[in-house]
Structure formats: C-alpha cells, structure tokens
Amino acid sequence: MAEHRPLKVLIAGAGIGGLAAAIALRQQGHVVEVRHSRFHLTMTNTSSFSKDPASPAKLAPQFILPQISRRFSSDLVWIPKPTEPRRIADSPCLMHPGSLALPRRMMRNDWFFIQRAGLHRMLKDAATGPEGKGTAAALNTGCSVTNVDCSTGTITLEDGRTFSGDLVIVADGVHSQSRRTISGVERTPFSAGKCCYRWLVPTEIVKSDPGTRPLVERPGLFVDIEGDDKRIVIYPCGNNTITNCLAFVSMEDMWDPEKPGAMKTAKEAMIAAYSNLSDGFRRLLEIAPDGSESDSGVKPWPLLDMAQLPTWINGRAALLGDAAHPFLPSSSGNFGLTVADLGQGGAIAVEDAVSLGVLLPLGTSPSEVPARLELYQQCRKERAERVQEHTRIRGRHPDGSEGPPPSTEEYMGFIQHAIMHDEWKHSTDVLNNYLAAQEQGKARI
C-alpha cells in the first residue's frame, strides 16, 4: 500500500481557532507550521470536541461543568422559584423570577467554563507537544503574515520572507491582515456601541467578603446581574479557584466627561458606570485588581461586529474563526430571558478547525485542496453566519430600539441550535457524499 504524502499546512495566527486547526490537521498526519506575532476567559460549548482526541475531558480537569444558575437584579434581590426554598438565609441576593435554564437532557453536548488563557495553553501544548498523533506542529513567534498568494499557497511575513505550502489557513483574528486578499472585499470591523470590562479575582477573596460571598456560594455557580442597559456576568474557572467577571456597558460610559477625548481608566470607568449598584455588587467591582496591564487586572474589551463576507476561501487559502466571522458575546440587553448566553465565538472557531481536519484526511493530494476548501465553506459558512445573527438578535436592547428582542421560545431555539450541532459528523457526511458522487462519476465514464 503506497504511503500518502502529508500536506504542508501554513497557519497564520495562534489563537483558539489557529491552534485547534493545527491539532486537527496534525492528527491527520499533515505537516503544520503556525506563525503569529503574539499570543486571551471564555465559556465554550464542546459540540465539536465529541469525536476529537483533544476533547476537554482529555485536555485537562480545568473545564468546569455549570451546576446551577442564579439571576440577580442590580439591587441584589434574589427571588426563589416557586418550587425552590430560599437557600441563603437573610441574604440580600435573590433569583430573578423569569430565570430559565436549558435542561441537560435537551443538550447533545455539555457546556463548560474555562479560563481562556488556560484553554489557549492546553491547545498550544496539544498542537506542539510530543504526545498525540502526527508530527508536532512548529510554532514560530514574532512574525505576522502580511500577505497571502492564494493560488500558490505562499505567505509573506512582515520582514519580507516568504514560505509556501499546500494549504494556507488564515486565523489571525478580527483585525485580520489577509481577509481582503482571500474574500475579495474590504470588511472593517465596527463598534457595536458597547464595551465589556473583564477581570479575574481569586475566589477566596470573593468568599471572604460578606457582601460578595453569595456570588460564589457553590462550585459551578453561574451568576447573572441585570440592571437597565447594563449587565455583569460571573462564573468560575481554574477548578473553582478563580472567579471570572465581565461587566457590559455602553461605549459612552468609557469617556471622561471632564476631559474631552480622554478615556477613564478601566476600573474607574467601570465603577462609575455601575454607580447605582447595591453595596454588595459595588464591592465586587472595588475588589477587582487595578492594573490593566496585568493578567488579572480590569481590561476594556470593545465589542466589534462585521458584515458578512461573500466567501471565506480562495484557491489554496481559507479564513477561519474571527478572521471569517467575528462574534459578539451576546451579553448585553434582553436580560429577562435566561441566564445562558450564546458566547459562541471560540466554539465556532473550533468547529471550523474540526471541519478542516475531517475534510482533509491524510491522502488528500495538493491538487484536491481547493475542492476540499469548497466543502469546508459549504459545511461552515451558513451555520456560522446563522449563529452570528442569533447573537446579534440576542444582544438587542430590551426597549426594542435595536429591533424586537427574541421571545423566550426563540432564544431557547438559538441555544439548542448552537449546542446540538456535531461538526465532526456533519463534515464527515458531507465528505462521504462528495466522495460517493465522485465514484459514481468515474463509473459512468
């Protein structure tokens, strides 16, 4: 039996999507090189890890399965469900009466919490480490890709060097430098008018303060705080030792009214935006680390959106992840429906990677790459864009100024559409149908 020559794959970008693609293609036996200029906390569903050896269960015990959800109003009032006894005696923290949760029996796959930095580190180890199938991917730092020749599979780095391969995957994020070359159009990401402040705090510190203790009372607790057009989301990571906090505000809240054109410091702006919070929640903001330059300090994260691309593929090159379809986290507006968010940016990027791994098994010849990328786009583009639109609808302001918010039933449909998908199976079915059609064509000849 003749040995199949592996494809040489060049990946621009080493975020979640780029590293997931490196794992998927390495496991198929291909030679993978990842190039990036720099190396980001996330909630992710695992719909496409189900058949992948790099599944959360095998990667690390740091993935936390949510155990319970609680919703709070901005004045820290918890109203138990009619069937639920009050569990925090004399506590000012109460659950929203409209809170919903999708029963696990309705899900094909689980939803996990994990710190983005931890997930990124594990993906990097799985892509470049000695263990696992295939040859370890080569990781080259400090060299961003500035141009892609789609017909020859050649990339040009910022220092002028060029490298060629059988396939180029561009996964260099929302500000991709090669998006226009591949798609043929200019698409500039634009502000969604909102910003997210993110920070980490040791869970023990949150527990030690009586005002914030109910927010981390149980392992796996997801907390959702609503008020007007603002929102705070809290969930555990790092094996329940770290509390991840996200506060969503309008971009207008970031500017200093006394200094035109100047932005407030991240923590200052966040506290000012939530000045109407009760004492307990204000304490959560006050104990946030100050330094935005540190790994755990408060960092502003402008929320960006982008118009759809006419194509993700061109010759031997393909876009993946945020380079193809940047996602909003869908964590602002329409707070009365459910504690769950779509938050599918990382998950959809992983699905993209899994699809490429399925569609490009060892034995795929270089001449077949453009046709297989057509299948990749067929498998992924419509789904990713549909989830993007669900995310936009989910994030509409509850007053209807951005369009009607989704009904409870519509939103539950959004969640099920995201969670119930198995890209490994989907891409496998598409590839098998394609190969069967090819064989039928040969038989006719």
Protein backbone atom coordinates (compact mmCIF):
# COMPACT_ATOMS: atom_id res chain seq x y z
CA MET A 1 0.00 0.00 0.00
CA ALA A 2 1.53 3.32 -1.08
CA GLU A 3 2.24 5.89 1.60
CA HIS A 4 0.42 9.18 1.28
CA ARG A 5 2.43 12.38 1.30
CA PRO A 6 1.21 14.71 4.04
CA LEU A 7 0.09 18.19 3.11
CA LYS A 8 2.21 21.12 4.19
CA VAL A 9 -0.13 23.46 6.06
CA LEU A 10 0.72 27.07 6.95
CA ILE A 11 -1.45 28.69 9.64
CA ALA A 12 -1.42 32.45 10.23
CA GLY A 13 -2.49 33.09 13.80
CA ALA A 14 -2.17 31.14 17.04
CA GLY A 15 -5.39 31.91 18.87
CA ILE A 16 -8.00 29.31 19.76
CA GLY A 17 -9.00 28.75 16.13
CA GLY A 18 -5.49 28.57 14.70
CA LEU A 19 -4.24 26.16 17.35
CA ALA A 20 -7.37 24.00 17.08
CA ALA A 21 -6.76 23.77 13.33
CA ALA A 22 -3.15 22.81 13.99
CA ILE A 23 -4.32 19.98 16.26
CA ALA A 24 -6.94 18.72 13.81
CA LEU A 25 -4.54 18.68 10.84
CA ARG A 26 -1.61 17.34 12.83
CA GLN A 27 -3.75 14.40 13.90
CA GLN A 28 -4.48 13.66 10.26
CA GLY A 29 -0.74 13.31 9.66
CA HIS A 30 -0.05 16.63 7.93
CA VAL A 31 2.97 18.87 8.48
CA VAL A 32 1.81 22.07 10.18
CA GLU A 33 3.57 25.39 10.73
CA VAL A 34 1.90 28.10 12.82
CA ARG A 35 3.07 31.70 12.58
CA HIS A 36 1.93 34.56 14.74
CA SER A 37 3.04 37.87 16.16
CA ARG A 38 1.71 37.45 19.72
CA PHE A 39 -0.22 35.14 21.77
CA HIS A 40 -6.53 35.81 25.56
CA LEU A 41 -11.51 33.94 29.66
CA THR A 42 -14.17 32.00 27.87
CA MET A 43 -17.30 29.98 28.13
CA THR A 44 -17.50 27.37 25.38
CA ASN A 45 -19.68 24.51 24.34
CA THR A 46 -17.91 21.35 23.25
CA SER A 47 -20.08 20.32 20.33
CA SER A 48 -17.16 19.58 18.04
CA PHE A 49 -14.78 18.02 20.53
CA SER A 50 -17.05 14.97 20.80
CA LYS A 51 -15.02 12.75 18.45
CA ASP A 52 -11.76 14.71 18.75
CA PRO A 53 -8.95 13.20 20.85
CA ALA A 54 -8.29 16.76 22.06
CA SER A 55 -11.57 16.74 23.99
CA PRO A 56 -11.98 18.76 27.21
CA ALA A 57 -12.11 15.59 29.29
CA LYS A 58 -8.71 14.58 27.95
CA LEU A 59 -7.13 18.02 27.79
CA ALA A 60 -7.48 18.96 31.46
CA PRO A 61 -9.65 18.86 34.57
CA GLN A 62 -9.87 22.67 34.43
CA PHE A 63 -13.13 22.55 32.45
CA ILE A 64 -15.98 23.26 34.85
CA LEU A 65 -19.47 21.98 34.14
CA PRO A 66 -22.04 24.59 35.29
CA GLN A 67 -24.05 23.23 38.20
CA ILE A 68 -26.57 25.99 38.90
CA SER A 69 -27.51 29.44 37.63
CA ARG A 70 -28.73 32.43 39.60
CA ARG A 71 -30.01 35.76 38.40
CA PHE A 72 -29.82 38.93 40.46
CA SER A 73 -31.25 42.39 39.98
CA SER A 74 -28.90 45.35 40.34
CA ASP A 75 -30.08 45.94 43.91
CA LEU A 76 -29.08 42.39 44.85
CA VAL A 77 -32.56 40.92 45.17
CA TRP A 78 -32.99 37.19 44.70
CA ILE A 79 -36.49 35.79 44.28
CA PRO A 80 -36.60 32.00 44.52
CA LYS A 81 -38.58 29.97 42.04
CA PRO A 82 -41.98 28.96 43.45
CA THR A 83 -40.75 25.39 43.91
CA GLU A 84 -37.38 26.34 45.35
CA PRO A 85 -36.95 27.05 49.07
CA ARG A 86 -34.88 30.06 49.99
CA ARG A 87 -31.35 28.80 50.44
CA ILE A 88 -29.42 31.84 51.61
CA ALA A 89 -30.93 32.88 54.90
CA ASP A 90 -31.02 36.65 55.47
CA SER A 91 -29.03 37.17 52.29
CA PRO A 92 -29.70 40.18 50.06
CA CYS A 93 -29.07 38.02 46.96
CA LEU A 94 -32.13 36.70 45.19
CA MET A 95 -33.02 34.97 41.93
CA HIS A 96 -34.95 36.56 39.08
CA PRO A 97 -38.42 35.02 38.64
CA GLY A 98 -38.00 34.78 34.87
CA SER A 99 -34.79 32.78 35.04
CA LEU A 100 -34.63 29.78 32.72
CA ALA A 101 -32.14 27.02 32.16
CA LEU A 102 -31.91 24.53 29.33
CA PRO A 103 -32.24 21.01 30.80
CA ARG A 104 -29.13 18.94 30.20
CA ARG A 105 -31.27 16.13 28.75
CA MET A 106 -32.05 18.52 25.86
CA MET A 107 -28.39 19.00 25.02
CA ARG A 108 -26.33 16.82 22.70
CA ASN A 109 -23.14 18.19 24.29
CA ASP A 110 -22.15 19.84 27.53
CA TRP A 111 -21.32 23.47 28.14
CA PHE A 112 -18.13 24.18 30.08
CA PHE A 113 -16.47 27.13 31.77
CA ILE A 114 -12.73 27.53 31.32
CA GLN A 115 -10.30 30.42 31.56
CA ARG A 116 -9.35 31.45 28.04
CA ALA A 117 -5.68 31.58 28.92
CA GLY A 118 -5.89 28.03 30.27
CA LEU A 119 -7.69 26.77 27.16
CA HIS A 120 -5.17 28.51 24.93
CA ARG A 121 -2.27 26.98 26.84
CA MET A 122 -3.75 23.48 26.54
CA LEU A 123 -4.40 23.87 22.82
CA LYS A 124 -0.83 25.06 22.33
CA ASP A 125 0.53 22.04 24.19
CA ALA A 126 -1.69 19.66 22.22
CA ALA A 127 -0.63 21.23 18.91
CA THR A 128 3.09 21.46 19.56
CA GLY A 129 3.82 18.84 22.22
CA PRO A 130 5.39 15.43 21.66
CA GLU A 131 2.28 13.49 22.67
CA GLY A 132 -0.57 12.76 20.31
CA LYS A 133 -0.97 11.63 16.74
CA GLY A 134 1.14 13.03 13.95
CA THR A 135 4.17 15.28 13.98
CA ALA A 136 4.15 18.19 16.41
CA ALA A 137 3.25 21.49 14.78
CA ALA A 138 6.03 24.06 14.50
CA LEU A 139 5.23 27.32 16.28
CA ASN A 140 7.03 30.45 15.06
CA THR A 141 6.64 33.67 17.01
CA GLY A 142 7.23 37.34 16.28
CA CYS A 143 6.44 37.08 12.59
CA SER A 144 2.96 38.10 11.49
CA VAL A 145 1.74 37.25 8.00
CA THR A 146 1.16 40.34 5.84
CA ASN A 147 0.20 38.78 2.51
CA VAL A 148 -1.14 35.54 1.06
CA ASP A 149 -0.82 34.31 -2.53
CA CYS A 150 -3.94 32.16 -2.69
CA SER A 151 -3.10 30.42 -5.96
CA THR A 152 0.34 29.19 -4.91
CA GLY A 153 -0.21 28.84 -1.15
CA THR A 154 2.58 31.31 -0.39
CA ILE A 155 2.67 33.64 2.61
CA THR A 156 4.78 36.75 3.07
CA LEU A 157 5.91 37.82 6.53
CA GLU A 158 6.35 41.38 7.73
CA ASP A 159 10.12 41.02 7.41
CA GLY A 160 9.80 40.07 3.73
CA ARG A 161 10.44 36.35 3.99
CA THR A 162 8.17 34.01 2.05
CA PHE A 163 7.05 30.43 2.69
CA SER A 164 4.97 28.10 0.55
CA GLY A 165 2.66 25.22 1.37
CA ASP A 166 -0.22 23.17 0.02
CA LEU A 167 -2.76 24.99 2.22
CA VAL A 168 -2.86 28.35 3.98
CA ILE A 169 -5.26 28.88 6.90
CA VAL A 170 -5.72 32.49 7.95
CA ALA A 171 -6.81 32.62 11.59
CA ASP A 172 -5.36 35.98 12.59
CA GLY A 173 -8.44 37.35 14.33
CA VAL A 174 -10.93 40.15 13.95
CA HIS A 175 -8.29 42.55 12.61
CA SER A 176 -7.04 40.05 10.01
CA GLN A 177 -4.44 41.41 7.61
CA SER A 178 -5.30 38.89 4.89
CA ARG A 179 -9.10 38.90 4.98
CA ARG A 180 -9.40 41.19 1.95
CA THR A 181 -6.96 39.11 -0.12
CA ILE A 182 -9.00 35.96 0.39
CA SER A 183 -12.55 37.36 0.36
CA GLY A 184 -12.00 39.95 -2.37
CA VAL A 185 -13.75 42.69 -0.36
CA GLU A 186 -12.85 45.16 2.35
CA ARG A 187 -14.64 44.47 5.63
CA THR A 188 -13.75 46.73 8.53
CA PRO A 189 -14.98 45.62 11.96
CA PHE A 190 -17.17 48.28 13.57
CA SER A 191 -18.15 49.06 17.13
CA ALA A 192 -21.37 47.57 18.42
CA GLY A 193 -21.64 50.57 20.75
CA LYS A 194 -20.79 48.53 23.83
CA CYS A 195 -17.77 47.53 25.82
CA CYS A 196 -17.03 44.66 28.17
CA TYR A 197 -14.76 45.03 31.19
CA ARG A 198 -13.08 41.77 32.15
CA TRP A 199 -11.15 40.84 35.25
CA LEU A 200 -10.16 37.88 37.41
CA VAL A 201 -10.23 37.65 41.18
CA PRO A 202 -9.31 34.71 43.43
CA THR A 203 -12.50 33.02 44.57
CA GLU A 204 -11.32 33.03 48.19
CA ILE A 205 -11.28 36.85 48.14
CA VAL A 206 -14.86 36.93 46.87
CA LYS A 207 -15.87 34.44 49.56
CA SER A 208 -14.17 36.40 52.34
CA ASP A 209 -16.36 39.47 51.80
CA PRO A 210 -19.91 39.08 53.27
CA GLY A 211 -21.32 41.30 50.53
CA THR A 212 -19.98 39.17 47.68
CA ARG A 213 -19.92 35.69 49.26
CA PRO A 214 -23.32 34.62 47.79
CA LEU A 215 -21.88 35.10 44.29
CA VAL A 216 -19.56 32.11 44.75
CA GLU A 217 -21.52 30.13 47.30
CA ARG A 218 -21.41 26.91 45.29
CA PRO A 219 -18.89 25.36 42.86
CA GLY A 220 -20.01 25.75 39.27
CA LEU A 221 -22.33 28.67 40.07
CA PHE A 222 -23.12 30.96 37.11
CA VAL A 223 -24.29 34.42 38.20
CA ASP A 224 -26.08 36.96 36.04
CA ILE A 225 -26.69 40.52 37.30
CA GLU A 226 -29.06 42.77 35.39
CA GLY A 227 -29.92 46.43 35.58
CA ASP A 228 -31.17 48.90 33.00
CA ASP A 229 -28.93 48.58 29.92
CA LYS A 230 -26.01 47.08 31.84
CA ARG A 231 -25.07 43.61 32.90
CA ILE A 232 -22.48 41.71 34.93
CA VAL A 233 -21.73 38.01 34.39
CA ILE A 234 -19.72 35.94 36.87
CA TYR A 235 -18.61 32.33 36.60
CA PRO A 236 -15.85 30.11 38.00
CA CYS A 237 -12.79 28.75 36.26
CA GLY A 238 -9.43 27.35 37.31
CA ASN A 239 -11.06 24.43 39.14
CA ASN A 240 -13.32 26.88 41.03
CA THR A 241 -10.33 28.82 42.39
CA ILE A 242 -10.69 31.85 40.10
CA THR A 243 -13.79 33.97 39.52
CA ASN A 244 -14.14 35.43 36.04
CA CYS A 245 -16.10 38.70 35.92
CA LEU A 246 -17.47 40.54 32.90
CA ALA A 247 -19.25 43.91 33.08
CA PHE A 248 -21.02 45.20 29.95
CA VAL A 249 -21.55 48.94 29.46
CA SER A 250 -22.17 51.46 26.72
CA MET A 251 -19.11 52.89 24.98
CA GLU A 252 -20.29 56.31 26.14
CA ASP A 253 -19.57 55.25 29.73
CA MET A 254 -15.87 54.89 28.89
CA TRP A 255 -15.23 58.57 28.15
CA ASP A 256 -14.26 61.14 30.78
CA PRO A 257 -16.85 63.98 30.65
CA GLU A 258 -14.36 66.40 32.24
CA LYS A 259 -11.60 65.63 29.70
CA PRO A 260 -12.94 65.69 26.12
CA GLY A 261 -11.42 62.94 24.03
CA ALA A 262 -9.90 61.17 27.04
CA MET A 263 -10.95 57.78 28.36
CA LYS A 264 -11.29 56.96 32.02
CA THR A 265 -9.07 54.28 33.47
CA ALA A 266 -10.69 50.88 33.09
CA LYS A 267 -11.60 50.31 36.72
CA GLU A 268 -12.67 53.94 37.21
CA ALA A 269 -14.95 53.81 34.19
CA MET A 270 -16.46 50.51 35.25
CA ILE A 271 -17.25 51.63 38.79
CA ALA A 272 -18.72 54.92 37.52
CA ALA A 273 -20.94 53.09 35.03
CA TYR A 274 -22.36 50.92 37.82
CA SER A 275 -22.82 53.64 40.42
CA ASN A 276 -26.42 52.54 41.05
CA LEU A 277 -25.44 49.05 42.22
CA SER A 278 -26.15 47.95 45.75
CA ASP A 279 -23.31 47.76 48.24
CA GLY A 280 -22.66 44.04 47.70
CA PHE A 281 -22.16 44.31 43.97
CA ARG A 282 -20.22 47.53 44.26
CA ARG A 283 -17.83 45.61 46.49
CA LEU A 284 -17.30 43.12 43.65
CA LEU A 285 -16.11 45.99 41.44
CA GLU A 286 -14.00 47.54 44.19
CA ILE A 287 -12.03 44.34 44.84
CA ALA A 288 -11.16 43.98 41.16
CA PRO A 289 -7.39 44.20 40.53
CA ASP A 290 -6.33 47.68 39.41
CA GLY A 291 -3.63 47.14 36.81
CA SER A 292 -5.00 46.74 33.28
CA GLU A 293 -1.53 45.67 32.21
CA SER A 294 -1.62 42.59 34.48
CA ASP A 295 -3.13 39.25 33.54
CA SER A 296 -5.93 39.67 36.07
CA GLY A 297 -6.48 43.44 36.07
CA VAL A 298 -9.56 45.16 34.66
CA LYS A 299 -9.35 45.36 30.87
CA PRO A 300 -11.77 47.07 28.48
CA TRP A 301 -12.88 44.95 25.55
CA PRO A 302 -14.70 46.94 22.82
CA LEU A 303 -17.36 44.76 21.23
CA LEU A 304 -16.93 44.60 17.45
CA ASP A 305 -19.17 43.35 14.68
CA MET A 306 -18.58 42.93 10.96
CA ALA A 307 -20.66 42.49 7.81
CA GLN A 308 -20.68 39.01 6.28
CA LEU A 309 -18.06 38.06 3.71
CA PRO A 310 -19.02 36.81 0.24
CA THR A 311 -16.51 33.98 0.58
CA TRP A 312 -14.06 32.52 3.09
CA ILE A 313 -11.95 30.68 0.53
CA ASN A 314 -9.72 31.45 -2.44
CA GLY A 315 -7.61 28.83 -4.18
CA ARG A 316 -5.43 27.18 -1.55
CA ALA A 317 -6.31 29.64 1.24
CA ALA A 318 -9.17 29.75 3.75
CA LEU A 319 -10.28 32.04 6.57
CA LEU A 320 -11.10 30.57 9.97
CA GLY A 321 -12.51 31.89 13.25
CA ASP A 322 -12.78 35.64 13.87
CA ALA A 323 -10.94 36.36 10.63
CA ALA A 324 -14.02 34.95 8.86
CA HIS A 325 -16.83 35.63 11.34
CA PRO A 326 -16.17 37.78 14.43
CA PHE A 327 -18.72 37.21 17.18
CA LEU A 328 -20.26 39.45 19.78
CA PRO A 329 -20.50 37.76 23.18
CA SER A 330 -24.25 38.49 23.22
CA SER A 331 -24.08 39.57 26.84
CA SER A 332 -25.90 42.85 26.82
CA GLY A 333 -29.54 43.71 26.51
CA ASN A 334 -32.63 41.49 26.70
CA PHE A 335 -31.86 40.36 30.22
CA GLY A 336 -35.20 38.90 31.20
CA LEU A 337 -34.99 35.61 29.32
CA THR A 338 -32.32 33.28 30.57
CA VAL A 339 -29.02 33.13 32.36
CA ALA A 340 -27.41 31.38 29.42
CA ASP A 341 -25.59 33.33 26.71
CA LEU A 342 -24.65 32.25 23.24
CA GLY A 343 -20.97 33.16 23.67
CA GLN A 344 -20.07 31.05 20.64
CA GLY A 345 -17.01 32.77 19.16
CA GLY A 346 -14.46 30.25 20.41
CA ALA A 347 -16.76 27.27 19.89
CA ILE A 348 -17.50 28.16 16.26
CA ALA A 349 -13.78 28.62 15.56
CA VAL A 350 -13.14 25.14 16.95
CA GLU A 351 -15.92 23.78 14.76
CA ASP A 352 -14.19 25.37 11.75
CA ALA A 353 -10.96 23.60 12.70
CA VAL A 354 -12.63 20.24 13.20
CA SER A 355 -14.30 20.55 9.79
CA LEU A 356 -10.95 21.13 8.09
CA GLY A 357 -9.48 18.13 9.86
CA VAL A 358 -12.31 15.89 8.66
CA LEU A 359 -12.29 17.17 5.08
CA LEU A 360 -8.51 16.91 4.66
CA PRO A 361 -7.53 13.41 5.77
CA LEU A 362 -4.09 12.00 5.04
CA GLY A 363 -4.10 11.04 1.38
CA THR A 364 -5.63 14.29 0.19
CA SER A 365 -3.44 15.44 -2.69
CA PRO A 366 -2.36 19.07 -3.09
CA SER A 367 -4.45 19.30 -6.26
CA GLU A 368 -7.57 18.39 -4.26
CA VAL A 369 -7.15 21.19 -1.71
CA PRO A 370 -9.24 23.87 -3.49
CA ALA A 371 -12.18 21.46 -3.91
CA ARG A 372 -11.96 20.40 -0.25
CA LEU A 373 -11.99 24.05 0.80
CA GLU A 374 -15.22 24.42 -1.18
CA LEU A 375 -16.63 21.66 1.01
CA TYR A 376 -15.31 23.47 4.11
CA GLN A 377 -17.21 26.59 3.14
CA GLN A 378 -20.30 24.51 2.39
CA CYS A 379 -20.11 22.93 5.85
CA ARG A 380 -19.34 26.05 7.85
CA LYS A 381 -20.33 29.40 6.36
CA GLU A 382 -24.12 29.21 6.62
CA ARG A 383 -24.02 27.80 10.15
CA ALA A 384 -21.53 30.36 11.45
CA GLU A 385 -23.46 33.26 9.93
CA ARG A 386 -26.73 31.97 11.37
CA VAL A 387 -25.24 31.78 14.87
CA GLN A 388 -23.79 35.28 14.34
CA GLU A 389 -27.26 36.60 13.56
CA HIS A 390 -28.74 34.82 16.58
CA THR A 391 -26.07 36.53 18.67
CA ARG A 392 -27.00 39.96 17.31
CA ILE A 393 -30.68 39.36 17.98
CA ARG A 394 -29.90 38.12 21.48
CA GLY A 395 -27.98 41.34 22.22
CA ARG A 396 -30.77 43.74 21.25
CA HIS A 397 -31.76 46.30 23.83
CA PRO A 398 -34.92 45.26 25.69
CA ASP A 399 -36.65 48.55 24.78
CA GLY A 400 -36.83 47.43 21.14
CA SER A 401 -34.74 50.33 19.83
CA GLU A 402 -32.44 47.86 18.02
CA GLY A 403 -35.27 45.66 16.79
CA PRO A 404 -37.58 43.29 18.64
CA PRO A 405 -35.76 41.16 21.22
CA PRO A 406 -36.24 37.41 20.84
CA SER A 407 -39.06 35.68 22.64
CA THR A 408 -38.22 33.05 25.21
CA GLU A 409 -39.04 30.31 22.70
CA GLU A 410 -36.88 31.92 20.00
CA TYR A 411 -33.94 32.27 22.35
CA MET A 412 -34.18 28.68 23.53
CA GLY A 413 -34.08 27.74 19.85
CA PHE A 414 -30.88 29.77 19.47
CA ILE A 415 -29.27 27.85 22.33
CA GLN A 416 -30.33 24.48 21.00
CA HIS A 417 -29.06 25.33 17.51
CA ALA A 418 -25.65 26.17 18.99
CA ILE A 419 -25.39 23.24 21.38
CA MET A 420 -26.95 20.41 19.39
CA HIS A 421 -24.56 20.58 16.43
CA ASP A 422 -21.87 17.94 15.82
CA GLU A 423 -19.46 19.27 13.20
CA TRP A 424 -17.41 16.09 13.13
CA LYS A 425 -20.43 14.12 11.95
CA HIS A 426 -21.71 16.89 9.68
CA SER A 427 -18.40 17.28 7.82
CA THR A 428 -17.96 13.52 7.64
CA ASP A 429 -21.36 13.16 5.98
CA VAL A 430 -20.59 15.94 3.51
CA LEU A 431 -17.21 14.39 2.61
CA ASN A 432 -18.70 10.92 2.19
CA ASN A 433 -21.41 12.24 -0.11
CA TYR A 434 -18.80 14.11 -2.14
CA LEU A 435 -16.56 11.05 -2.50
CA ALA A 436 -19.54 8.86 -3.41
CA ALA A 437 -20.56 11.30 -6.13
CA GLN A 438 -17.01 11.28 -7.48
CA GLU A 439 -17.01 7.48 -7.66
CA GLN A 440 -20.35 7.47 -9.45
CA GLY A 441 -18.96 9.93 -11.99
CA LYS A 442 -15.96 7.69 -12.65
CA ALA A 443 -18.22 4.68 -13.07
CA ARG A 444 -20.24 6.49 -15.75
CA ILE A 445 -17.07 7.30 -17.66
